[in-house]
Amino acid sequence: RELAPDASAGTDWQTLLGDGTLRRLSLDVGQINAAFAELSDPRATARPEPGAPEAGFIDVYASLVSVPAIGRSLLGEAEAANLQAWLQPGDSALMLAGRGDYTYKGSGYVRGGIFDRFVLIQGETTIRFRDRQHRRLGGIMASGAPTLPEMDLFRIPADTGFDPTEPFRLQLLVHRNVGPIEKVFTTFDLGYQLPPAYLRALPPPALPAEVASSEQTAQSDLWQRIWRDSTVEIAGVLAMLTLLTAAFFFQFWVTRSDRLFFWFRIGFLTTTLVFLGWYANAQLSIVNLMALVSSLITGFSWQAFLLDPLTFILWSSVAAALLFWGRGAYCGWLCPFGALQELTNRLARLCRVPQWTLPWGLHERLWAVKYILFLGLFAVTLASVDRAEQLAEIEPFKTAIVLKFDRAWPFLLYALVLLGLGLFVERFYCRYLCPLGAALAIPARIRMFDWLKRHHECGSPCQTCANECPVQAIHPTGEINPNECVNCLHCQVLYQSKAKCPVVIKQMKRRQSISTARDPSDPAIANHPNLKERQNV
């Protein structure tokens, strides 16, 4: 079967419900409590959902609005046209709309991750939706539609193997806390099949057995398909990691030229911001660590983490880099928001924006703020991951990087305030507020190597590196704090600078003086009596 191009749909809500164009799942408190009671877990039964049994818990509607007739009926002509422009060839789109105390979207999507409260299941294929496949819907145009606070569109990519002509079901996941860190889960299904009016029959194509078998294998290995579809992005990330690793291993040569290293760093940070951040949305977050902690508690599964190849690769590289260089490999080079802060600060300096240097005592005490934020979020995670993900909005990453500043004004204002402070204090957020930086800094002291070279005179009496360190990670006594260092390598440029490093300048003068003393063309040496005596002999 295939979609009938000349199909038409009803224009009012009740008609669409009656003919199956719209499907509804309505659950009350009594049904939820009964479902958890059937689990035979006394902890779940002991914590019933509050409210009268007949009180509404969730009321959700679903429809396949990528079918043109259904899209025009539910969304209106203009929005249906926008939807078709959003979809790629072969894509489908699902509309979900709901109301009630329980939301089908959950809170995982807030961080740009996976919508964790529902999945689409068709045959052996399970489809999870990501933030990039989601759009909010402004309104429903069908007459008689109820007031629904939540209205959303979800794009189903063609490469998932989804067939809109075949039946599928939406599986809603409902959880209940049974302890500080434990939850139990139950599911409810909403079946959907396009009514015959939207379909027309076609003879089924004859596929070779090996092709059918291959397709079944591909459908069962969703994460492998995602990796194959992300080949360009994966290649780009691996190239960046290879280049950065080489730069760290050969940092003494990379930092010999101040000008060349400056443009290398500017180019790398620009690539991090534009490609890694705005294009690939590969911004690591404290929420990733929360998800890891939660999975270790509830049951670890590699597949959940492999669904996002770039995040998986970056976290793997960060784990390895912590053993070699500490937090700096990610924070200083691969964090898109960190790159945005540094690049905007560079522009501010060009515009002669004054730079503020906080007193060392205040600066050192403000370091503790990010550790307090991290520990607070970690503690909340043990009690409620959903709540912790909401509090993790302390990170402006989704606003500035994932959504590219296209967000509600409170989030936008918060991100702009942080970037504004960064114009005066370079990497202000990284220094004092970033819980992810704090989480990476805690194991920083276990790194196996310390390749940042220092002179004996560093700190006493020389303060050049300490004064020029972009994040003030060098103590007045000359030691580099590995918990705060972002491995920008600026101190290594200064270490070899013939114009700024007093030690190098002194060594150059000493060599010049020795060379001059040994030069026989010097008049003072040429006229020396001992030299004349040798010439006479």
Protein backbone atom coordinates (compact mmCIF):
# COMPACT_ATOMS: atom_id res chain seq x y z
CA ARG A 1 0.00 0.00 0.00
CA GLU A 2 0.96 3.62 -0.44
CA LEU A 3 -0.44 7.01 0.51
CA ALA A 4 -3.34 8.15 -1.65
CA PRO A 5 -2.44 11.58 -3.09
CA ASP A 6 -6.09 12.56 -3.61
CA ALA A 7 -7.29 11.71 -0.08
CA SER A 8 -9.23 14.26 1.95
CA ALA A 9 -9.71 14.65 5.70
CA GLY A 10 -12.45 15.97 7.93
CA THR A 11 -12.21 19.52 9.21
CA ASP A 12 -13.53 19.16 12.76
CA TRP A 13 -11.95 17.50 15.77
CA GLN A 14 -14.70 14.98 16.53
CA THR A 15 -14.79 13.71 12.95
CA LEU A 16 -11.04 13.19 12.96
CA LEU A 17 -11.30 11.32 16.26
CA GLY A 18 -14.18 9.21 15.04
CA ASP A 19 -12.56 7.99 11.81
CA GLY A 20 -9.20 7.20 13.44
CA THR A 21 -7.23 10.08 11.93
CA LEU A 22 -6.64 11.19 15.51
CA ARG A 23 -5.92 8.66 18.25
CA ARG A 24 -6.29 9.39 21.96
CA LEU A 25 -4.73 7.99 25.13
CA SER A 26 -6.48 9.20 28.29
CA LEU A 27 -5.32 8.01 31.70
CA ASP A 28 -6.64 8.95 35.12
CA VAL A 29 -5.01 8.68 38.54
CA GLY A 30 -6.86 5.45 39.32
CA GLN A 31 -5.49 3.73 36.21
CA ILE A 32 -1.95 4.81 37.03
CA ASN A 33 -2.17 3.56 40.61
CA ALA A 34 -3.67 0.27 39.43
CA ALA A 35 -0.88 -0.21 36.89
CA PHE A 36 1.81 0.25 39.54
CA ALA A 37 -0.07 -2.05 41.91
CA GLU A 38 0.13 -4.82 39.28
CA LEU A 39 3.93 -4.62 39.38
CA SER A 40 3.88 -6.39 42.77
CA ASP A 41 6.40 -3.91 44.10
CA PRO A 42 5.20 -2.80 47.55
CA ARG A 43 7.36 0.31 47.34
CA ALA A 44 5.41 1.56 44.32
CA THR A 45 2.07 0.70 45.89
CA ALA A 46 3.04 2.57 49.04
CA ARG A 47 3.45 5.81 47.09
CA PRO A 48 0.21 6.23 45.12
CA GLU A 49 -0.40 9.16 42.84
CA PRO A 50 -2.20 11.88 44.82
CA GLY A 51 -5.72 12.91 43.84
CA ALA A 52 -9.09 11.33 43.26
CA PRO A 53 -9.07 8.12 41.15
CA GLU A 54 -11.09 9.82 38.40
CA ALA A 55 -8.78 12.86 38.26
CA GLY A 56 -6.98 13.27 34.96
CA PHE A 57 -3.34 12.20 34.80
CA ILE A 58 -2.57 12.65 31.09
CA ASP A 59 -4.66 13.12 27.97
CA VAL A 60 -2.63 12.84 24.76
CA TYR A 61 -3.60 12.86 21.07
CA ALA A 62 -1.54 11.63 18.12
CA SER A 63 -1.81 11.93 14.36
CA LEU A 64 0.43 11.44 11.32
CA VAL A 65 0.40 15.00 9.97
CA SER A 66 2.95 14.34 7.22
CA VAL A 67 -0.01 12.96 5.25
CA PRO A 68 -0.92 16.13 3.30
CA ALA A 69 -4.68 15.93 3.84
CA ILE A 70 -4.28 15.39 7.60
CA GLY A 71 -1.68 18.14 7.85
CA ARG A 72 -3.94 20.68 6.16
CA SER A 73 -6.89 19.73 8.36
CA LEU A 74 -5.08 19.85 11.71
CA LEU A 75 -2.39 22.46 11.07
CA GLY A 76 -3.90 24.74 8.46
CA GLU A 77 -2.57 25.45 4.98
CA ALA A 78 0.34 27.68 6.02
CA GLU A 79 1.68 25.48 8.81
CA ALA A 80 1.22 22.35 6.69
CA ALA A 81 3.33 23.97 3.97
CA ASN A 82 6.00 24.87 6.54
CA LEU A 83 5.96 21.28 7.76
CA GLN A 84 6.50 19.88 4.27
CA ALA A 85 9.41 22.30 3.77
CA TRP A 86 10.96 21.08 7.04
CA LEU A 87 10.75 17.42 6.04
CA GLN A 88 13.32 15.75 3.82
CA PRO A 89 12.24 13.32 1.08
CA GLY A 90 10.93 10.14 2.69
CA ASP A 91 10.49 11.72 6.14
CA SER A 92 7.26 11.49 8.11
CA ALA A 93 5.93 13.71 10.89
CA LEU A 94 3.97 12.94 14.02
CA MET A 95 1.82 15.44 15.90
CA LEU A 96 1.42 14.98 19.64
CA ALA A 97 -0.80 17.21 21.74
CA GLY A 98 -1.70 16.75 25.37
CA ARG A 99 -2.74 18.05 28.74
CA GLY A 100 -2.66 16.85 32.34
CA ASP A 101 -0.31 16.71 35.29
CA TYR A 102 2.05 14.36 33.46
CA THR A 103 3.87 15.56 30.35
CA TYR A 104 4.77 13.22 27.51
CA LYS A 105 7.88 15.26 26.75
CA GLY A 106 9.63 14.75 30.07
CA SER A 107 12.64 16.90 30.92
CA GLY A 108 15.49 15.21 29.05
CA TYR A 109 14.68 17.28 25.96
CA VAL A 110 15.44 20.47 27.91
CA ARG A 111 19.12 19.73 27.50
CA GLY A 112 18.91 18.96 23.82
CA GLY A 113 18.95 15.22 24.43
CA ILE A 114 16.51 12.43 23.79
CA PHE A 115 12.81 12.67 24.63
CA ASP A 116 12.81 10.00 27.29
CA ARG A 117 9.12 9.46 28.06
CA PHE A 118 7.86 8.02 24.80
CA VAL A 119 9.10 6.01 21.84
CA LEU A 120 7.59 5.03 18.51
CA ILE A 121 7.60 1.28 17.84
CA GLN A 122 6.92 -0.27 14.44
CA GLY A 123 7.65 -3.95 14.05
CA GLU A 124 11.17 -4.56 15.35
CA THR A 125 12.16 -0.89 15.08
CA THR A 126 12.13 1.46 18.05
CA ILE A 127 12.48 5.16 17.26
CA ARG A 128 13.52 7.73 19.83
CA PHE A 129 13.22 11.41 19.10
CA ARG A 130 15.93 14.00 19.63
CA ASP A 131 15.64 17.72 20.16
CA ARG A 132 16.73 18.45 16.61
CA GLN A 133 13.75 16.43 15.32
CA HIS A 134 11.27 18.48 17.33
CA ARG A 135 9.29 21.66 16.66
CA ARG A 136 6.68 23.33 18.80
CA LEU A 137 3.26 23.76 17.24
CA GLY A 138 1.58 27.13 17.62
CA GLY A 139 -2.01 25.92 17.36
CA ILE A 140 -4.47 23.38 15.97
CA MET A 141 -6.75 24.61 13.20
CA ALA A 142 -9.41 21.86 13.30
CA SER A 143 -12.69 23.24 14.62
CA GLY A 144 -13.79 22.04 18.03
CA ALA A 145 -10.27 21.19 19.18
CA PRO A 146 -9.87 21.27 22.99
CA THR A 147 -7.39 23.52 24.76
CA LEU A 148 -4.11 21.61 24.83
CA PRO A 149 -1.09 23.22 26.56
CA GLU A 150 1.37 20.90 24.83
CA MET A 151 1.42 20.75 21.02
CA ASP A 152 4.47 19.41 19.22
CA LEU A 153 5.68 18.08 15.89
CA PHE A 154 8.24 15.28 15.65
CA ARG A 155 10.11 14.46 12.45
CA ILE A 156 10.62 10.76 11.68
CA PRO A 157 13.71 10.52 9.42
CA ALA A 158 13.49 8.32 6.36
CA ASP A 159 16.59 6.36 7.39
CA THR A 160 14.77 4.90 10.40
CA GLY A 161 12.85 2.63 8.04
CA PHE A 162 9.47 3.95 9.22
CA ASP A 163 6.56 3.10 6.91
CA PRO A 164 3.56 5.43 7.37
CA THR A 165 1.24 2.92 5.71
CA GLU A 166 1.91 0.27 8.35
CA PRO A 167 0.56 0.24 11.93
CA PHE A 168 2.73 1.49 14.77
CA ARG A 169 2.35 2.30 18.43
CA LEU A 170 3.50 5.00 20.78
CA GLN A 171 4.75 3.72 24.11
CA LEU A 172 4.42 6.14 27.02
CA LEU A 173 6.78 5.59 29.94
CA VAL A 174 5.48 6.55 33.41
CA HIS A 175 7.84 6.43 36.37
CA ARG A 176 7.37 6.58 40.12
CA ASN A 177 10.03 7.38 42.72
CA VAL A 178 10.35 4.62 45.30
CA GLY A 179 13.45 5.88 47.08
CA PRO A 180 16.08 8.60 47.03
CA ILE A 181 17.72 7.16 43.93
CA GLU A 182 15.37 4.41 42.74
CA LYS A 183 12.39 4.45 40.38
CA VAL A 184 10.00 1.89 39.00
CA PHE A 185 8.44 2.16 35.56
CA THR A 186 5.33 1.11 33.73
CA THR A 187 4.26 1.69 30.14
CA PHE A 188 1.04 2.43 28.24
CA ASP A 189 0.58 1.96 24.50
CA LEU A 190 -1.31 4.09 22.00
CA GLY A 191 -1.80 2.21 18.74
CA TYR A 192 -2.11 4.02 15.40
CA GLN A 193 -2.87 3.01 11.84
CA LEU A 194 -3.83 5.29 9.00
CA PRO A 195 -7.49 4.84 8.06
CA PRO A 196 -8.04 3.15 4.65
CA ALA A 197 -9.27 6.45 3.19
CA TYR A 198 -5.67 7.73 3.13
CA LEU A 199 -4.23 4.61 1.45
CA ARG A 200 -4.38 2.84 -1.87
CA ALA A 201 -3.34 -0.71 -2.67
CA LEU A 202 -0.27 -1.61 -4.69
CA PRO A 203 1.20 -5.01 -5.46
CA PRO A 204 4.01 -5.63 -2.99
CA PRO A 205 7.46 -5.45 -4.60
CA ALA A 206 9.42 -8.67 -4.66
CA LEU A 207 12.62 -8.20 -2.71
CA PRO A 208 15.47 -10.68 -2.71
CA ALA A 209 15.68 -12.61 0.52
CA GLU A 210 19.13 -11.23 1.27
CA VAL A 211 17.89 -7.63 0.91
CA ALA A 212 14.99 -8.25 3.29
CA SER A 213 17.33 -9.90 5.76
CA SER A 214 19.78 -7.00 5.50
CA GLU A 215 17.00 -4.50 6.14
CA GLN A 216 15.85 -6.36 9.24
CA THR A 217 19.40 -6.38 10.56
CA ALA A 218 19.77 -2.65 9.90
CA GLN A 219 16.50 -1.89 11.67
CA SER A 220 17.58 -3.81 14.75
CA ASP A 221 20.90 -1.96 14.93
CA LEU A 222 19.65 1.60 15.16
CA TRP A 223 22.78 3.09 16.65
CA GLN A 224 24.92 1.62 13.88
CA ARG A 225 22.76 3.35 11.27
CA ILE A 226 23.06 6.61 13.17
CA TRP A 227 26.85 6.29 13.13
CA ARG A 228 26.86 5.57 9.40
CA ASP A 229 24.63 8.57 8.76
CA SER A 230 26.97 10.80 10.77
CA THR A 231 30.11 9.89 8.82
CA VAL A 232 30.98 13.48 7.90
CA GLU A 233 30.53 14.78 11.44
CA ILE A 234 32.46 11.85 12.91
CA ALA A 235 35.33 12.38 10.46
CA GLY A 236 35.44 16.07 11.34
CA VAL A 237 35.56 15.38 15.08
CA LEU A 238 38.26 12.72 14.68
CA ALA A 239 40.33 15.11 12.55
CA MET A 240 40.05 17.80 15.24
CA LEU A 241 41.03 15.34 17.98
CA THR A 242 44.01 14.11 15.95
CA LEU A 243 45.23 17.65 15.30
CA LEU A 244 44.81 18.66 18.93
CA THR A 245 46.60 15.55 20.19
CA ALA A 246 49.52 16.24 17.85
CA ALA A 247 49.64 19.86 19.05
CA PHE A 248 49.82 18.73 22.68
CA PHE A 249 52.52 16.12 22.01
CA PHE A 250 54.63 18.61 20.07
CA GLN A 251 53.64 21.71 22.00
CA PHE A 252 57.23 22.96 22.35
CA TRP A 253 57.48 23.33 18.57
CA VAL A 254 53.88 24.47 18.08
CA THR A 255 54.37 27.38 20.49
CA ARG A 256 57.70 28.62 19.12
CA SER A 257 56.10 31.29 16.95
CA ASP A 258 53.76 33.63 18.79
CA ARG A 259 51.97 34.73 15.60
CA LEU A 260 51.57 31.27 14.08
CA PHE A 261 50.27 29.82 17.32
CA PHE A 262 47.83 32.73 17.74
CA TRP A 263 46.22 32.02 14.36
CA PHE A 264 46.27 28.27 14.98
CA ARG A 265 44.33 28.74 18.20
CA ILE A 266 41.89 31.24 16.70
CA GLY A 267 41.23 28.88 13.79
CA PHE A 268 40.74 25.87 16.04
CA LEU A 269 38.37 27.70 18.40
CA THR A 270 36.37 29.01 15.44
CA THR A 271 36.03 25.45 14.13
CA THR A 272 34.98 24.27 17.58
CA LEU A 273 32.27 26.93 17.79
CA VAL A 274 30.91 26.75 14.24
CA PHE A 275 31.35 23.08 13.32
CA LEU A 276 31.35 21.27 16.65
CA GLY A 277 28.83 23.57 18.33
CA TRP A 278 26.40 25.27 15.98
CA TYR A 279 26.50 22.68 13.18
CA ALA A 280 26.93 19.33 14.96
CA ASN A 281 25.44 20.34 18.37
CA ALA A 282 28.27 18.38 20.02
CA GLN A 283 28.26 20.39 23.25
CA LEU A 284 29.00 18.23 26.27
CA SER A 285 26.96 18.97 29.37
CA ILE A 286 26.75 18.12 33.04
CA VAL A 287 23.49 16.39 32.09
CA ASN A 288 25.53 13.74 30.26
CA LEU A 289 27.23 12.92 33.56
CA MET A 290 23.85 12.87 35.31
CA ALA A 291 22.58 10.39 32.72
CA LEU A 292 25.65 8.22 33.32
CA VAL A 293 25.12 8.25 37.09
CA SER A 294 21.43 7.45 36.63
CA SER A 295 22.20 4.57 34.26
CA LEU A 296 24.73 3.11 36.66
CA ILE A 297 22.02 3.13 39.33
CA THR A 298 19.11 1.87 37.25
CA GLY A 299 20.95 -0.41 34.82
CA PHE A 300 23.74 0.56 32.43
CA SER A 301 23.24 0.19 28.68
CA TRP A 302 25.81 1.08 26.03
CA GLN A 303 23.12 1.56 23.39
CA ALA A 304 21.66 4.64 25.06
CA PHE A 305 25.03 6.39 24.86
CA LEU A 306 25.90 5.13 21.37
CA LEU A 307 22.80 6.83 19.94
CA ASP A 308 24.74 10.11 19.86
CA PRO A 309 28.08 9.30 18.18
CA LEU A 310 29.69 12.73 18.55
CA THR A 311 28.92 12.95 22.26
CA PHE A 312 30.21 9.40 22.75
CA ILE A 313 33.46 10.13 20.89
CA LEU A 314 34.03 13.39 22.75
CA TRP A 315 33.40 11.86 26.17
CA SER A 316 35.75 8.98 25.34
CA SER A 317 38.46 11.43 24.30
CA VAL A 318 37.86 13.57 27.39
CA ALA A 319 38.27 10.51 29.62
CA ALA A 320 41.60 9.70 27.95
CA ALA A 321 42.74 13.33 28.02
CA LEU A 322 42.09 13.56 31.76
CA LEU A 323 44.88 11.03 32.28
CA PHE A 324 47.31 13.00 30.12
CA TRP A 325 46.50 16.69 30.47
CA GLY A 326 43.58 17.12 32.87
CA ARG A 327 40.48 19.14 32.01
CA GLY A 328 42.26 21.54 29.66
CA ALA A 329 41.97 19.48 26.48
CA TYR A 330 38.19 19.85 26.50
CA CYS A 331 37.64 23.09 28.40
CA GLY A 332 40.34 25.00 26.54
CA TRP A 333 39.90 23.66 23.03
CA LEU A 334 36.78 21.54 22.43
CA CYS A 335 34.01 23.30 24.39
CA PRO A 336 31.90 25.39 21.95
CA PHE A 337 30.64 27.76 24.65
CA GLY A 338 34.18 28.22 25.98
CA ALA A 339 35.30 29.01 22.44
CA LEU A 340 32.45 31.52 22.08
CA GLN A 341 33.52 33.26 25.29
CA GLU A 342 37.16 33.50 24.24
CA LEU A 343 36.43 34.69 20.71
CA THR A 344 34.00 37.38 21.89
CA ASN A 345 36.57 38.50 24.47
CA ARG A 346 39.17 38.80 21.70
CA LEU A 347 36.79 41.04 19.78
CA ALA A 348 36.17 43.08 22.93
CA ARG A 349 39.91 43.62 23.35
CA LEU A 350 40.15 44.80 19.74
CA CYS A 351 37.41 47.30 20.56
CA ARG A 352 39.44 48.42 23.62
CA VAL A 353 36.92 47.12 26.14
CA PRO A 354 38.66 47.38 29.55
CA GLN A 355 39.66 44.07 31.11
CA TRP A 356 39.06 43.44 34.80
CA THR A 357 41.60 41.51 36.85
CA LEU A 358 40.07 40.31 40.10
CA PRO A 359 42.25 40.40 43.23
CA TRP A 360 43.90 37.02 43.73
CA GLY A 361 42.21 36.38 47.07
CA LEU A 362 38.71 37.00 45.66
CA HIS A 363 39.49 35.14 42.45
CA GLU A 364 40.70 32.07 44.35
CA ARG A 365 37.61 31.97 46.55
CA LEU A 366 35.25 32.31 43.61
CA TRP A 367 36.67 29.07 42.22
CA ALA A 368 34.65 27.25 44.87
CA VAL A 369 31.31 28.37 43.39
CA LYS A 370 31.42 25.96 40.46
CA TYR A 371 32.32 23.05 42.74
CA ILE A 372 29.37 23.88 45.00
CA LEU A 373 27.07 23.97 41.96
CA PHE A 374 28.38 20.62 40.74
CA LEU A 375 28.01 18.92 44.12
CA GLY A 376 24.50 20.35 44.49
CA LEU A 377 23.44 19.03 41.08
CA PHE A 378 25.02 15.66 41.83
CA ALA A 379 23.09 15.42 45.10
CA VAL A 380 19.81 16.31 43.38
CA THR A 381 20.54 13.69 40.70
CA LEU A 382 20.57 10.97 43.35
CA ALA A 383 17.03 11.98 44.35
CA SER A 384 15.51 13.05 41.03
CA VAL A 385 17.22 13.12 37.65
CA ASP A 386 14.32 15.11 36.17
CA ARG A 387 14.72 17.85 38.76
CA ALA A 388 18.49 17.89 38.34
CA GLU A 389 18.13 18.32 34.58
CA GLN A 390 15.90 21.33 35.13
CA LEU A 391 18.41 22.86 37.56
CA ALA A 392 21.18 22.19 35.06
CA GLU A 393 19.90 25.20 33.12
CA ILE A 394 22.69 26.94 35.03
CA GLU A 395 24.55 25.87 31.89
CA PRO A 396 23.75 28.25 29.01
CA PHE A 397 24.87 25.66 26.46
CA LYS A 398 21.47 24.81 25.04
CA THR A 399 20.52 28.46 24.56
CA ALA A 400 23.80 29.64 23.04
CA ILE A 401 24.93 26.53 21.17
CA VAL A 402 22.18 23.95 20.56
CA LEU A 403 19.35 26.42 19.86
CA LYS A 404 21.63 29.23 18.60
CA PHE A 405 19.94 31.84 20.83
CA ASP A 406 16.46 30.98 19.50
CA ARG A 407 14.78 30.61 22.89
CA ALA A 408 12.48 32.31 25.40
CA TRP A 409 13.79 35.64 26.66
CA PRO A 410 14.74 34.59 30.25
CA PHE A 411 17.13 31.94 28.91
CA LEU A 412 18.40 34.31 26.24
CA LEU A 413 18.99 37.09 28.76
CA TYR A 414 20.89 34.75 31.07
CA ALA A 415 23.21 33.59 28.28
CA LEU A 416 23.83 37.16 27.10
CA VAL A 417 24.63 38.33 30.65
CA LEU A 418 27.27 35.60 30.97
CA LEU A 419 28.76 36.49 27.59
CA GLY A 420 28.65 40.17 28.56
CA LEU A 421 30.63 39.50 31.73
CA GLY A 422 33.06 37.51 29.60
CA LEU A 423 33.84 40.66 27.62
CA PHE A 424 35.43 42.14 30.74
CA VAL A 425 36.66 38.97 32.49
CA GLU A 426 37.85 36.39 29.98
CA ARG A 427 35.98 33.07 30.33
CA PHE A 428 34.02 34.35 33.33
CA TYR A 429 31.60 31.41 33.23
CA CYS A 430 34.41 28.85 32.89
CA ARG A 431 36.27 30.30 35.86
CA TYR A 432 33.50 30.53 38.42
CA LEU A 433 30.20 28.91 37.39
CA CYS A 434 30.68 25.89 35.13
CA PRO A 435 29.63 22.66 36.92
CA LEU A 436 30.94 20.57 34.02
CA GLY A 437 34.36 22.21 34.38
CA ALA A 438 34.25 21.44 38.10
CA ALA A 439 33.40 17.79 37.42
CA LEU A 440 36.35 17.51 35.02
CA ALA A 441 38.66 19.40 37.36
CA ILE A 442 38.19 17.04 40.31
CA PRO A 443 40.19 14.19 38.69
CA ALA A 444 42.64 16.64 37.06
CA ARG A 445 45.38 15.99 39.61
CA ILE A 446 45.60 12.32 38.65
CA ARG A 447 47.05 13.20 35.24
CA MET A 448 50.20 11.24 34.44
CA PHE A 449 52.18 13.99 32.73
CA ASP A 450 53.07 17.60 33.38
CA TRP A 451 54.39 18.92 30.09
CA LEU A 452 53.99 22.64 30.79
CA LYS A 453 57.56 23.86 31.09
CA ARG A 454 58.55 26.41 33.74
CA HIS A 455 61.72 28.32 34.63
CA HIS A 456 63.08 28.38 38.17
CA GLU A 457 62.45 32.13 38.13
CA CYS A 458 58.71 31.70 37.38
CA GLY A 459 56.78 33.25 40.26
CA SER A 460 59.88 34.53 42.02
CA PRO A 461 60.66 37.08 40.81
CA CYS A 462 58.99 36.82 37.36
CA GLN A 463 55.19 37.25 37.16
CA THR A 464 54.82 37.55 33.37
CA CYS A 465 52.94 34.27 32.86
CA ALA A 466 50.79 34.78 35.96
CA ASN A 467 49.78 38.26 34.78
CA GLU A 468 48.99 37.13 31.22
CA CYS A 469 47.27 33.79 31.98
CA PRO A 470 43.80 34.11 30.37
CA VAL A 471 42.05 32.40 33.30
CA GLN A 472 44.42 33.36 36.14
CA ALA A 473 45.32 29.70 36.74
CA ILE A 474 48.89 30.50 37.82
CA HIS A 475 49.49 31.23 41.49
CA PRO A 476 51.58 34.28 42.45
CA THR A 477 54.24 31.81 43.60
CA GLY A 478 54.49 30.45 40.04
CA GLU A 479 52.67 27.10 40.28
CA ILE A 480 50.07 26.24 37.65
CA ASN A 481 46.81 25.04 39.21
CA PRO A 482 45.82 21.93 37.19
CA ASN A 483 42.20 22.24 38.36
CA GLU A 484 41.87 25.66 36.72
CA CYS A 485 44.30 25.45 33.78
CA VAL A 486 42.59 25.18 30.38
CA ASN A 487 45.80 24.26 28.51
CA CYS A 488 45.65 27.28 26.24
CA LEU A 489 49.49 27.00 26.02
CA HIS A 490 49.94 30.77 26.28
CA CYS A 491 52.48 30.25 29.06
CA GLN A 492 54.45 27.99 26.72
CA VAL A 493 54.56 30.74 24.12
CA LEU A 494 55.88 33.10 26.81
CA TYR A 495 58.35 30.43 27.99
CA GLN A 496 60.16 30.71 24.65
CA SER A 497 59.46 34.38 23.92
CA LYS A 498 62.55 36.40 23.08
CA ALA A 499 60.56 39.59 23.61
CA LYS A 500 58.64 38.93 26.85
CA CYS A 501 60.31 36.24 28.96
CA PRO A 502 62.98 37.86 31.22
CA VAL A 503 64.79 34.53 31.59
CA VAL A 504 65.08 34.04 27.82
CA ILE A 505 66.13 37.66 27.34
CA LYS A 506 68.81 37.28 30.02
CA GLN A 507 70.08 34.07 28.40
CA MET A 508 70.25 35.78 25.02
CA LYS A 509 72.24 38.67 26.45
CA ARG A 510 74.63 36.26 28.17
CA ARG A 511 75.20 34.34 24.94
CA GLN A 512 75.70 37.57 23.04
CA SER A 513 78.23 38.74 25.58
CA ILE A 514 80.18 35.45 25.42
CA SER A 515 80.10 35.53 21.63
CA THR A 516 81.41 39.08 21.60
CA ALA A 517 84.19 38.20 24.03
CA ARG A 518 85.37 35.38 21.77
CA ASP A 519 85.27 37.39 18.56
CA PRO A 520 88.93 38.18 17.52
CA SER A 521 87.72 40.92 15.21
CA ASP A 522 86.82 42.97 18.28
CA PRO A 523 89.41 45.89 18.48
CA ALA A 524 89.89 45.32 22.20
CA ILE A 525 90.90 41.70 21.58
CA ALA A 526 92.95 42.40 18.45
CA ASN A 527 95.18 44.89 20.33
CA HIS A 528 95.71 42.63 23.35
CA PRO A 529 99.50 42.38 24.16
CA ASN A 530 99.45 38.57 24.47
CA LEU A 531 97.95 38.23 21.01
CA LYS A 532 100.61 40.55 19.54
CA GLU A 533 103.43 38.52 21.14
CA ARG A 534 102.14 35.32 19.50
CA GLN A 535 102.01 37.07 16.14
CA ASN A 536 105.66 38.27 16.50
CA VAL A 537 106.88 34.77 17.30
